[in-house]
PDB file of all heavy atoms in Angstrom:
ATOM      1  N   GLY A   1      -6.192 -30.783 -77.870  1.00  0.00           N
ATOM      2  CA  GLY A   1      -7.027 -29.852 -77.089  1.00  0.00           C
ATOM      3  C   GLY A   1      -6.345 -29.042 -76.141  1.00  0.00           C
ATOM      4  O   GLY A   1      -6.908 -28.151 -75.451  1.00  0.00           O
ATOM      5  N   ARG A   2      -5.037 -29.303 -75.853  1.00  0.00           N
ATOM      6  CA  ARG A   2      -4.244 -28.582 -74.872  1.00  0.00           C
ATOM      7  C   ARG A   2      -3.052 -27.826 -75.547  1.00  0.00           C
ATOM      8  O   ARG A   2      -2.673 -26.768 -75.083  1.00  0.00           O
ATOM      9  CB  ARG A   2      -3.737 -29.524 -73.907  1.00  0.00           C
ATOM     10  CG  ARG A   2      -4.758 -30.187 -72.966  1.00  0.00           C
ATOM     11  CD  ARG A   2      -4.206 -30.972 -71.855  1.00  0.00           C
ATOM     12  NE  ARG A   2      -3.350 -32.058 -72.303  1.00  0.00           N
ATOM     13  CZ  ARG A   2      -2.045 -32.078 -71.973  1.00  0.00           C
ATOM     14  NH1 ARG A   2      -1.429 -31.032 -71.254  1.00  0.00           N
ATOM     15  NH2 ARG A   2      -1.288 -33.076 -72.397  1.00  0.00           N
ATOM     16  N   PHE A   3      -2.578 -28.322 -76.640  1.00  0.00           N
ATOM     17  CA  PHE A   3      -1.395 -27.755 -77.207  1.00  0.00           C
ATOM     18  C   PHE A   3      -1.860 -27.226 -78.693  1.00  0.00           C
ATOM     19  O   PHE A   3      -2.713 -27.695 -79.351  1.00  0.00           O
ATOM     20  CB  PHE A   3      -0.302 -28.770 -77.588  1.00  0.00           C
ATOM     21  CG  PHE A   3       0.382 -29.312 -76.335  1.00  0.00           C
ATOM     22  CD1 PHE A   3      -0.079 -28.997 -74.972  1.00  0.00           C
ATOM     23  CD2 PHE A   3       1.601 -30.018 -76.424  1.00  0.00           C
ATOM     24  CE1 PHE A   3       0.550 -29.472 -73.898  1.00  0.00           C
ATOM     25  CE2 PHE A   3       2.298 -30.548 -75.328  1.00  0.00           C
ATOM     26  CZ  PHE A   3       1.824 -30.236 -74.069  1.00  0.00           C
ATOM     27  N   THR A   4      -1.212 -26.086 -79.034  1.00  0.00           N
ATOM     28  CA  THR A   4      -1.399 -25.535 -80.327  1.00  0.00           C
ATOM     29  C   THR A   4      -0.098 -25.164 -80.923  1.00  0.00           C
ATOM     30  O   THR A   4       0.725 -24.414 -80.447  1.00  0.00           O
ATOM     31  CB  THR A   4      -2.307 -24.123 -80.217  1.00  0.00           C
ATOM     32  OG1 THR A   4      -3.509 -24.581 -79.502  1.00  0.00           O
ATOM     33  CG2 THR A   4      -2.558 -23.634 -81.565  1.00  0.00           C
ATOM     34  N   ILE A   5       0.099 -25.639 -82.192  1.00  0.00           N
ATOM     35  CA  ILE A   5       1.309 -25.329 -82.936  1.00  0.00           C
ATOM     36  C   ILE A   5       1.013 -24.192 -83.836  1.00  0.00           C
ATOM     37  O   ILE A   5      -0.043 -24.106 -84.517  1.00  0.00           O
ATOM     38  CB  ILE A   5       1.888 -26.572 -83.680  1.00  0.00           C
ATOM     39  CG1 ILE A   5       3.274 -26.352 -84.380  1.00  0.00           C
ATOM     40  CG2 ILE A   5       0.835 -27.089 -84.707  1.00  0.00           C
ATOM     41  CD1 ILE A   5       3.960 -27.565 -84.894  1.00  0.00           C
ATOM     42  N   SER A   6       2.026 -23.275 -84.095  1.00  0.00           N
ATOM     43  CA  SER A   6       1.834 -22.187 -84.991  1.00  0.00           C
ATOM     44  C   SER A   6       3.168 -21.859 -85.574  1.00  0.00           C
ATOM     45  O   SER A   6       4.279 -22.329 -85.032  1.00  0.00           O
ATOM     46  CB  SER A   6       1.206 -20.985 -84.317  1.00  0.00           C
ATOM     47  OG  SER A   6       1.991 -20.508 -83.229  1.00  0.00           O
ATOM     48  N   ARG A   7       3.240 -20.949 -86.496  1.00  0.00           N
ATOM     49  CA  ARG A   7       4.589 -20.613 -87.052  1.00  0.00           C
ATOM     50  C   ARG A   7       4.381 -19.164 -87.638  1.00  0.00           C
ATOM     51  O   ARG A   7       3.344 -18.645 -87.841  1.00  0.00           O
ATOM     52  CB  ARG A   7       4.815 -21.503 -88.258  1.00  0.00           C
ATOM     53  CG  ARG A   7       3.884 -21.372 -89.417  1.00  0.00           C
ATOM     54  CD  ARG A   7       4.390 -22.188 -90.694  1.00  0.00           C
ATOM     55  NE  ARG A   7       3.461 -22.115 -91.774  1.00  0.00           N
ATOM     56  CZ  ARG A   7       2.527 -23.085 -92.059  1.00  0.00           C
ATOM     57  NH1 ARG A   7       2.604 -24.208 -91.323  1.00  0.00           N
ATOM     58  NH2 ARG A   7       1.816 -22.899 -93.060  1.00  0.00           N
ATOM     59  N   ASP A   8       5.593 -18.541 -87.760  1.00  0.00           N
ATOM     60  CA  ASP A   8       5.734 -17.275 -88.386  1.00  0.00           C
ATOM     61  C   ASP A   8       6.747 -17.465 -89.523  1.00  0.00           C
ATOM     62  O   ASP A   8       7.990 -17.496 -89.237  1.00  0.00           O
ATOM     63  CB  ASP A   8       6.117 -16.273 -87.440  1.00  0.00           C
ATOM     64  CG  ASP A   8       6.216 -14.904 -88.027  1.00  0.00           C
ATOM     65  OD1 ASP A   8       6.383 -14.714 -89.319  1.00  0.00           O
ATOM     66  OD2 ASP A   8       6.164 -13.860 -87.315  1.00  0.00           O
ATOM     67  N   SER A   9       6.351 -17.733 -90.721  1.00  0.00           N
ATOM     68  CA  SER A   9       7.219 -18.120 -91.795  1.00  0.00           C
ATOM     69  C   SER A   9       8.195 -16.939 -92.126  1.00  0.00           C
ATOM     70  O   SER A   9       9.236 -17.254 -92.553  1.00  0.00           O
ATOM     71  CB  SER A   9       6.387 -18.426 -92.982  1.00  0.00           C
ATOM     72  OG  SER A   9       5.571 -19.537 -92.872  1.00  0.00           O
ATOM     73  N   ASP A  10       7.746 -15.695 -91.980  1.00  0.00           N
ATOM     74  CA  ASP A  10       8.637 -14.594 -92.269  1.00  0.00           C
ATOM     75  C   ASP A  10       9.768 -14.540 -91.393  1.00  0.00           C
ATOM     76  O   ASP A  10      10.857 -14.051 -91.823  1.00  0.00           O
ATOM     77  CB  ASP A  10       7.862 -13.247 -92.151  1.00  0.00           C
ATOM     78  CG  ASP A  10       6.777 -13.075 -93.328  1.00  0.00           C
ATOM     79  OD1 ASP A  10       6.964 -13.778 -94.379  1.00  0.00           O
ATOM     80  OD2 ASP A  10       5.820 -12.346 -93.153  1.00  0.00           O
ATOM     81  N   LYS A  11       9.640 -14.967 -90.114  1.00  0.00           N
ATOM     82  CA  LYS A  11      10.740 -14.949 -89.153  1.00  0.00           C
ATOM     83  C   LYS A  11      11.309 -16.399 -88.999  1.00  0.00           C
ATOM     84  O   LYS A  11      12.150 -16.430 -88.117  1.00  0.00           O
ATOM     85  CB  LYS A  11      10.166 -14.466 -87.862  1.00  0.00           C
ATOM     86  CG  LYS A  11       9.653 -13.019 -87.829  1.00  0.00           C
ATOM     87  CD  LYS A  11       9.234 -12.610 -86.519  1.00  0.00           C
ATOM     88  CE  LYS A  11       8.674 -11.182 -86.512  1.00  0.00           C
ATOM     89  NZ  LYS A  11       8.225 -10.755 -85.182  1.00  0.00           N
ATOM     90  N   ASN A  12      10.894 -17.324 -89.689  1.00  0.00           N
ATOM     91  CA  ASN A  12      11.425 -18.717 -89.534  1.00  0.00           C
ATOM     92  C   ASN A  12      11.325 -19.267 -88.091  1.00  0.00           C
ATOM     93  O   ASN A  12      12.118 -19.744 -87.447  1.00  0.00           O
ATOM     94  CB  ASN A  12      12.775 -18.858 -89.959  1.00  0.00           C
ATOM     95  CG  ASN A  12      12.891 -19.063 -91.473  1.00  0.00           C
ATOM     96  OD1 ASN A  12      11.919 -19.098 -92.187  1.00  0.00           O
ATOM     97  ND2 ASN A  12      14.102 -19.087 -91.993  1.00  0.00           N
ATOM     98  N   MET A  13      10.076 -18.950 -87.497  1.00  0.00           N
ATOM     99  CA  MET A  13       9.795 -19.307 -86.104  1.00  0.00           C
ATOM    100  C   MET A  13       8.631 -20.192 -86.043  1.00  0.00           C
ATOM    101  O   MET A  13       7.701 -20.166 -86.805  1.00  0.00           O
ATOM    102  CB  MET A  13       9.521 -18.011 -85.287  1.00  0.00           C
ATOM    103  CG  MET A  13      10.648 -17.157 -85.221  1.00  0.00           C
ATOM    104  SD  MET A  13      11.957 -17.698 -84.024  1.00  0.00           S
ATOM    105  CE  MET A  13      11.097 -17.678 -82.491  1.00  0.00           C
ATOM    106  N   VAL A  14       8.731 -21.225 -85.145  1.00  0.00           N
ATOM    107  CA  VAL A  14       7.627 -22.238 -84.815  1.00  0.00           C
ATOM    108  C   VAL A  14       7.360 -22.121 -83.329  1.00  0.00           C
ATOM    109  O   VAL A  14       8.340 -22.053 -82.560  1.00  0.00           O
ATOM    110  CB  VAL A  14       8.019 -23.642 -85.234  1.00  0.00           C
ATOM    111  CG1 VAL A  14       6.861 -24.484 -85.127  1.00  0.00           C
ATOM    112  CG2 VAL A  14       8.489 -23.593 -86.689  1.00  0.00           C
ATOM    113  N   TYR A  15       6.106 -22.199 -83.038  1.00  0.00           N
ATOM    114  CA  TYR A  15       5.726 -22.117 -81.605  1.00  0.00           C
ATOM    115  C   TYR A  15       4.883 -23.184 -81.131  1.00  0.00           C
ATOM    116  O   TYR A  15       4.274 -23.860 -81.934  1.00  0.00           O
ATOM    117  CB  TYR A  15       4.930 -20.741 -81.353  1.00  0.00           C
ATOM    118  CG  TYR A  15       5.690 -19.561 -81.812  1.00  0.00           C
ATOM    119  CD1 TYR A  15       5.374 -19.021 -83.089  1.00  0.00           C
ATOM    120  CD2 TYR A  15       6.611 -18.921 -81.095  1.00  0.00           C
ATOM    121  CE1 TYR A  15       6.042 -17.786 -83.680  1.00  0.00           C
ATOM    122  CE2 TYR A  15       7.256 -17.713 -81.642  1.00  0.00           C
ATOM    123  CZ  TYR A  15       6.955 -17.245 -82.719  1.00  0.00           C
ATOM    124  OH  TYR A  15       7.665 -16.177 -83.240  1.00  0.00           O
ATOM    125  N   LEU A  16       4.892 -23.457 -79.821  1.00  0.00           N
ATOM    126  CA  LEU A  16       4.013 -24.443 -79.274  1.00  0.00           C
ATOM    127  C   LEU A  16       3.476 -23.862 -77.939  1.00  0.00           C
ATOM    128  O   LEU A  16       4.144 -23.708 -77.013  1.00  0.00           O
ATOM    129  CB  LEU A  16       4.739 -25.753 -78.940  1.00  0.00           C
ATOM    130  CG  LEU A  16       3.893 -26.962 -78.489  1.00  0.00           C
ATOM    131  CD1 LEU A  16       2.982 -27.478 -79.588  1.00  0.00           C
ATOM    132  CD2 LEU A  16       4.720 -28.035 -77.970  1.00  0.00           C
ATOM    133  N   GLN A  17       2.133 -23.602 -78.042  1.00  0.00           N
ATOM    134  CA  GLN A  17       1.484 -23.110 -76.877  1.00  0.00           C
ATOM    135  C   GLN A  17       0.876 -24.282 -76.143  1.00  0.00           C
ATOM    136  O   GLN A  17       0.249 -25.090 -76.731  1.00  0.00           O
ATOM    137  CB  GLN A  17       0.285 -22.166 -77.271  1.00  0.00           C
ATOM    138  CG  GLN A  17      -0.549 -21.585 -76.126  1.00  0.00           C
ATOM    139  CD  GLN A  17       0.261 -20.593 -75.304  1.00  0.00           C
ATOM    140  OE1 GLN A  17       0.905 -19.740 -75.724  1.00  0.00           O
ATOM    141  NE2 GLN A  17       0.224 -20.806 -73.949  1.00  0.00           N
ATOM    142  N   MET A  18       1.158 -24.345 -74.876  1.00  0.00           N
ATOM    143  CA  MET A  18       0.829 -25.506 -74.112  1.00  0.00           C
ATOM    144  C   MET A  18      -0.009 -25.082 -72.779  1.00  0.00           C
ATOM    145  O   MET A  18       0.555 -24.396 -71.957  1.00  0.00           O
ATOM    146  CB  MET A  18       2.051 -26.280 -73.563  1.00  0.00           C
ATOM    147  CG  MET A  18       2.954 -26.624 -74.753  1.00  0.00           C
ATOM    148  SD  MET A  18       4.403 -27.602 -74.153  1.00  0.00           S
ATOM    149  CE  MET A  18       5.189 -26.380 -73.083  1.00  0.00           C
ATOM    150  N   ASN A  19      -1.237 -25.396 -72.799  1.00  0.00           N
ATOM    151  CA  ASN A  19      -2.045 -25.136 -71.683  1.00  0.00           C
ATOM    152  C   ASN A  19      -3.396 -25.980 -71.780  1.00  0.00           C
ATOM    153  O   ASN A  19      -3.948 -25.933 -72.894  1.00  0.00           O
ATOM    154  CB  ASN A  19      -2.292 -23.625 -71.408  1.00  0.00           C
ATOM    155  CG  ASN A  19      -3.177 -22.976 -72.448  1.00  0.00           C
ATOM    156  OD1 ASN A  19      -4.409 -22.866 -72.173  1.00  0.00           O
ATOM    157  ND2 ASN A  19      -2.698 -22.556 -73.548  1.00  0.00           N
ATOM    158  N   PRO A  20      -3.895 -26.460 -70.644  1.00  0.00           N
ATOM    159  CA  PRO A  20      -3.168 -26.577 -69.388  1.00  0.00           C
ATOM    160  C   PRO A  20      -2.127 -27.724 -69.418  1.00  0.00           C
ATOM    161  O   PRO A  20      -2.394 -28.766 -70.026  1.00  0.00           O
ATOM    162  CB  PRO A  20      -4.270 -26.863 -68.413  1.00  0.00           C
ATOM    163  CG  PRO A  20      -5.265 -27.612 -69.236  1.00  0.00           C
ATOM    164  CD  PRO A  20      -5.236 -27.037 -70.619  1.00  0.00           C
ATOM    165  N   LEU A  21      -1.111 -27.484 -68.727  1.00  0.00           N
ATOM    166  CA  LEU A  21      -0.055 -28.503 -68.659  1.00  0.00           C
ATOM    167  C   LEU A  21      -0.378 -29.515 -67.475  1.00  0.00           C
ATOM    168  O   LEU A  21      -1.011 -29.237 -66.556  1.00  0.00           O
ATOM    169  CB  LEU A  21       1.263 -27.857 -68.348  1.00  0.00           C
ATOM    170  CG  LEU A  21       1.958 -27.139 -69.586  1.00  0.00           C
ATOM    171  CD1 LEU A  21       3.043 -26.109 -69.135  1.00  0.00           C
ATOM    172  CD2 LEU A  21       2.546 -28.143 -70.487  1.00  0.00           C
ATOM    173  N   LYS A  22       0.107 -30.714 -67.766  1.00  0.00           N
ATOM    174  CA  LYS A  22      -0.062 -31.852 -66.890  1.00  0.00           C
ATOM    175  C   LYS A  22       1.368 -32.368 -66.494  1.00  0.00           C
ATOM    176  O   LYS A  22       2.255 -32.248 -67.225  1.00  0.00           O
ATOM    177  CB  LYS A  22      -0.858 -33.031 -67.526  1.00  0.00           C
ATOM    178  CG  LYS A  22      -2.245 -32.606 -67.902  1.00  0.00           C
ATOM    179  CD  LYS A  22      -2.893 -33.778 -68.548  1.00  0.00           C
ATOM    180  CE  LYS A  22      -4.350 -33.477 -68.979  1.00  0.00           C
ATOM    181  NZ  LYS A  22      -5.000 -34.617 -69.597  1.00  0.00           N
ATOM    182  N   PRO A  23       1.485 -33.075 -65.318  1.00  0.00           N
ATOM    183  CA  PRO A  23       2.751 -33.616 -64.966  1.00  0.00           C
ATOM    184  C   PRO A  23       3.389 -34.536 -66.043  1.00  0.00           C
ATOM    185  O   PRO A  23       4.557 -34.575 -66.164  1.00  0.00           O
ATOM    186  CB  PRO A  23       2.456 -34.358 -63.661  1.00  0.00           C
ATOM    187  CG  PRO A  23       1.296 -33.644 -63.068  1.00  0.00           C
ATOM    188  CD  PRO A  23       0.455 -33.257 -64.283  1.00  0.00           C
ATOM    189  N   GLU A  24       2.475 -35.275 -66.762  1.00  0.00           N
ATOM    190  CA  GLU A  24       3.001 -36.180 -67.706  1.00  0.00           C
ATOM    191  C   GLU A  24       3.630 -35.422 -68.972  1.00  0.00           C
ATOM    192  O   GLU A  24       4.077 -36.115 -69.800  1.00  0.00           O
ATOM    193  CB  GLU A  24       1.949 -37.150 -68.182  1.00  0.00           C
ATOM    194  CG  GLU A  24       0.616 -36.564 -68.549  1.00  0.00           C
ATOM    195  CD  GLU A  24      -0.393 -36.536 -67.422  1.00  0.00           C
ATOM    196  OE1 GLU A  24       0.036 -36.229 -66.307  1.00  0.00           O
ATOM    197  OE2 GLU A  24      -1.605 -36.875 -67.626  1.00  0.00           O
ATOM    198  N   ASP A  25       3.426 -34.190 -69.044  1.00  0.00           N
ATOM    199  CA  ASP A  25       4.057 -33.380 -70.098  1.00  0.00           C
ATOM    200  C   ASP A  25       5.473 -33.088 -69.865  1.00  0.00           C
ATOM    201  O   ASP A  25       6.168 -32.513 -70.730  1.00  0.00           O
ATOM    202  CB  ASP A  25       3.288 -32.101 -70.293  1.00  0.00           C
ATOM    203  CG  ASP A  25       1.871 -32.251 -70.707  1.00  0.00           C
ATOM    204  OD1 ASP A  25       1.660 -33.088 -71.620  1.00  0.00           O
ATOM    205  OD2 ASP A  25       1.005 -31.413 -70.293  1.00  0.00           O
ATOM    206  N   THR A  26       6.016 -33.393 -68.739  1.00  0.00           N
ATOM    207  CA  THR A  26       7.397 -33.181 -68.272  1.00  0.00           C
ATOM    208  C   THR A  26       8.344 -33.927 -69.239  1.00  0.00           C
ATOM    209  O   THR A  26       8.174 -35.135 -69.463  1.00  0.00           O
ATOM    210  CB  THR A  26       7.755 -33.707 -66.954  1.00  0.00           C
ATOM    211  OG1 THR A  26       6.878 -32.881 -66.016  1.00  0.00           O
ATOM    212  CG2 THR A  26       9.040 -33.443 -66.558  1.00  0.00           C
ATOM    213  N   ALA A  27       9.138 -33.164 -69.980  1.00  0.00           N
ATOM    214  CA  ALA A  27       9.961 -33.752 -70.975  1.00  0.00           C
ATOM    215  C   ALA A  27      10.946 -32.615 -71.473  1.00  0.00           C
ATOM    216  O   ALA A  27      10.709 -31.368 -71.210  1.00  0.00           O
ATOM    217  CB  ALA A  27       9.208 -34.358 -72.161  1.00  0.00           C
ATOM    218  N   VAL A  28      11.910 -32.963 -72.256  1.00  0.00           N
ATOM    219  CA  VAL A  28      12.609 -32.036 -73.116  1.00  0.00           C
ATOM    220  C   VAL A  28      11.992 -31.956 -74.398  1.00  0.00           C
ATOM    221  O   VAL A  28      11.713 -32.946 -75.064  1.00  0.00           O
ATOM    222  CB  VAL A  28      14.156 -32.518 -73.245  1.00  0.00           C
ATOM    223  CG1 VAL A  28      14.913 -31.463 -74.165  1.00  0.00           C
ATOM    224  CG2 VAL A  28      14.816 -32.612 -71.974  1.00  0.00           C
ATOM    225  N   TYR A  29      11.706 -30.799 -74.803  1.00  0.00           N
ATOM    226  CA  TYR A  29      10.976 -30.554 -76.058  1.00  0.00           C
ATOM    227  C   TYR A  29      11.926 -30.053 -77.174  1.00  0.00           C
ATOM    228  O   TYR A  29      12.707 -29.102 -77.024  1.00  0.00           O
ATOM    229  CB  TYR A  29       9.879 -29.486 -75.847  1.00  0.00           C
ATOM    230  CG  TYR A  29       8.731 -30.040 -75.070  1.00  0.00           C
ATOM    231  CD1 TYR A  29       8.808 -30.325 -73.709  1.00  0.00           C
ATOM    232  CD2 TYR A  29       7.455 -30.343 -75.769  1.00  0.00           C
ATOM    233  CE1 TYR A  29       7.689 -30.872 -73.070  1.00  0.00           C
ATOM    234  CE2 TYR A  29       6.329 -30.871 -75.105  1.00  0.00           C
ATOM    235  CZ  TYR A  29       6.451 -31.171 -73.790  1.00  0.00           C
ATOM    236  OH  TYR A  29       5.442 -31.643 -73.173  1.00  0.00           O
ATOM    237  N   TYR A  30      11.780 -30.569 -78.310  1.00  0.00           N
ATOM    238  CA  TYR A  30      12.623 -30.235 -79.514  1.00  0.00           C
ATOM    239  C   TYR A  30      11.752 -29.882 -80.706  1.00  0.00           C
ATOM    240  O   TYR A  30      10.603 -30.483 -80.889  1.00  0.00           O
ATOM    241  CB  TYR A  30      13.463 -31.367 -79.911  1.00  0.00           C
ATOM    242  CG  TYR A  30      14.346 -31.985 -78.869  1.00  0.00           C
ATOM    243  CD1 TYR A  30      13.902 -32.953 -78.035  1.00  0.00           C
ATOM    244  CD2 TYR A  30      15.687 -31.543 -78.730  1.00  0.00           C
ATOM    245  CE1 TYR A  30      14.643 -33.508 -76.938  1.00  0.00           C
ATOM    246  CE2 TYR A  30      16.514 -32.050 -77.716  1.00  0.00           C
ATOM    247  CZ  TYR A  30      16.060 -33.058 -76.878  1.00  0.00           C
ATOM    248  OH  TYR A  30      16.853 -33.575 -75.923  1.00  0.00           O
ATOM    249  N   CYS A  31      12.229 -29.054 -81.567  1.00  0.00           N
ATOM    250  CA  CYS A  31      11.571 -28.796 -82.837  1.00  0.00           C
ATOM    251  C   CYS A  31      12.472 -29.374 -83.859  1.00  0.00           C
ATOM    252  O   CYS A  31      13.675 -29.508 -83.782  1.00  0.00           O
ATOM    253  CB  CYS A  31      11.368 -27.207 -83.076  1.00  0.00           C
ATOM    254  SG  CYS A  31      12.852 -26.271 -83.178  1.00  0.00           S
TER     255      CYS A  31
END
């Protein structure tokens, strides 16, 4: 309900939209 994953296959890109963020989301994020 807060994060959304998406991709652009033509560009080989993956995205993660994050909102609203919470303090517990603090981390290093990897794909």
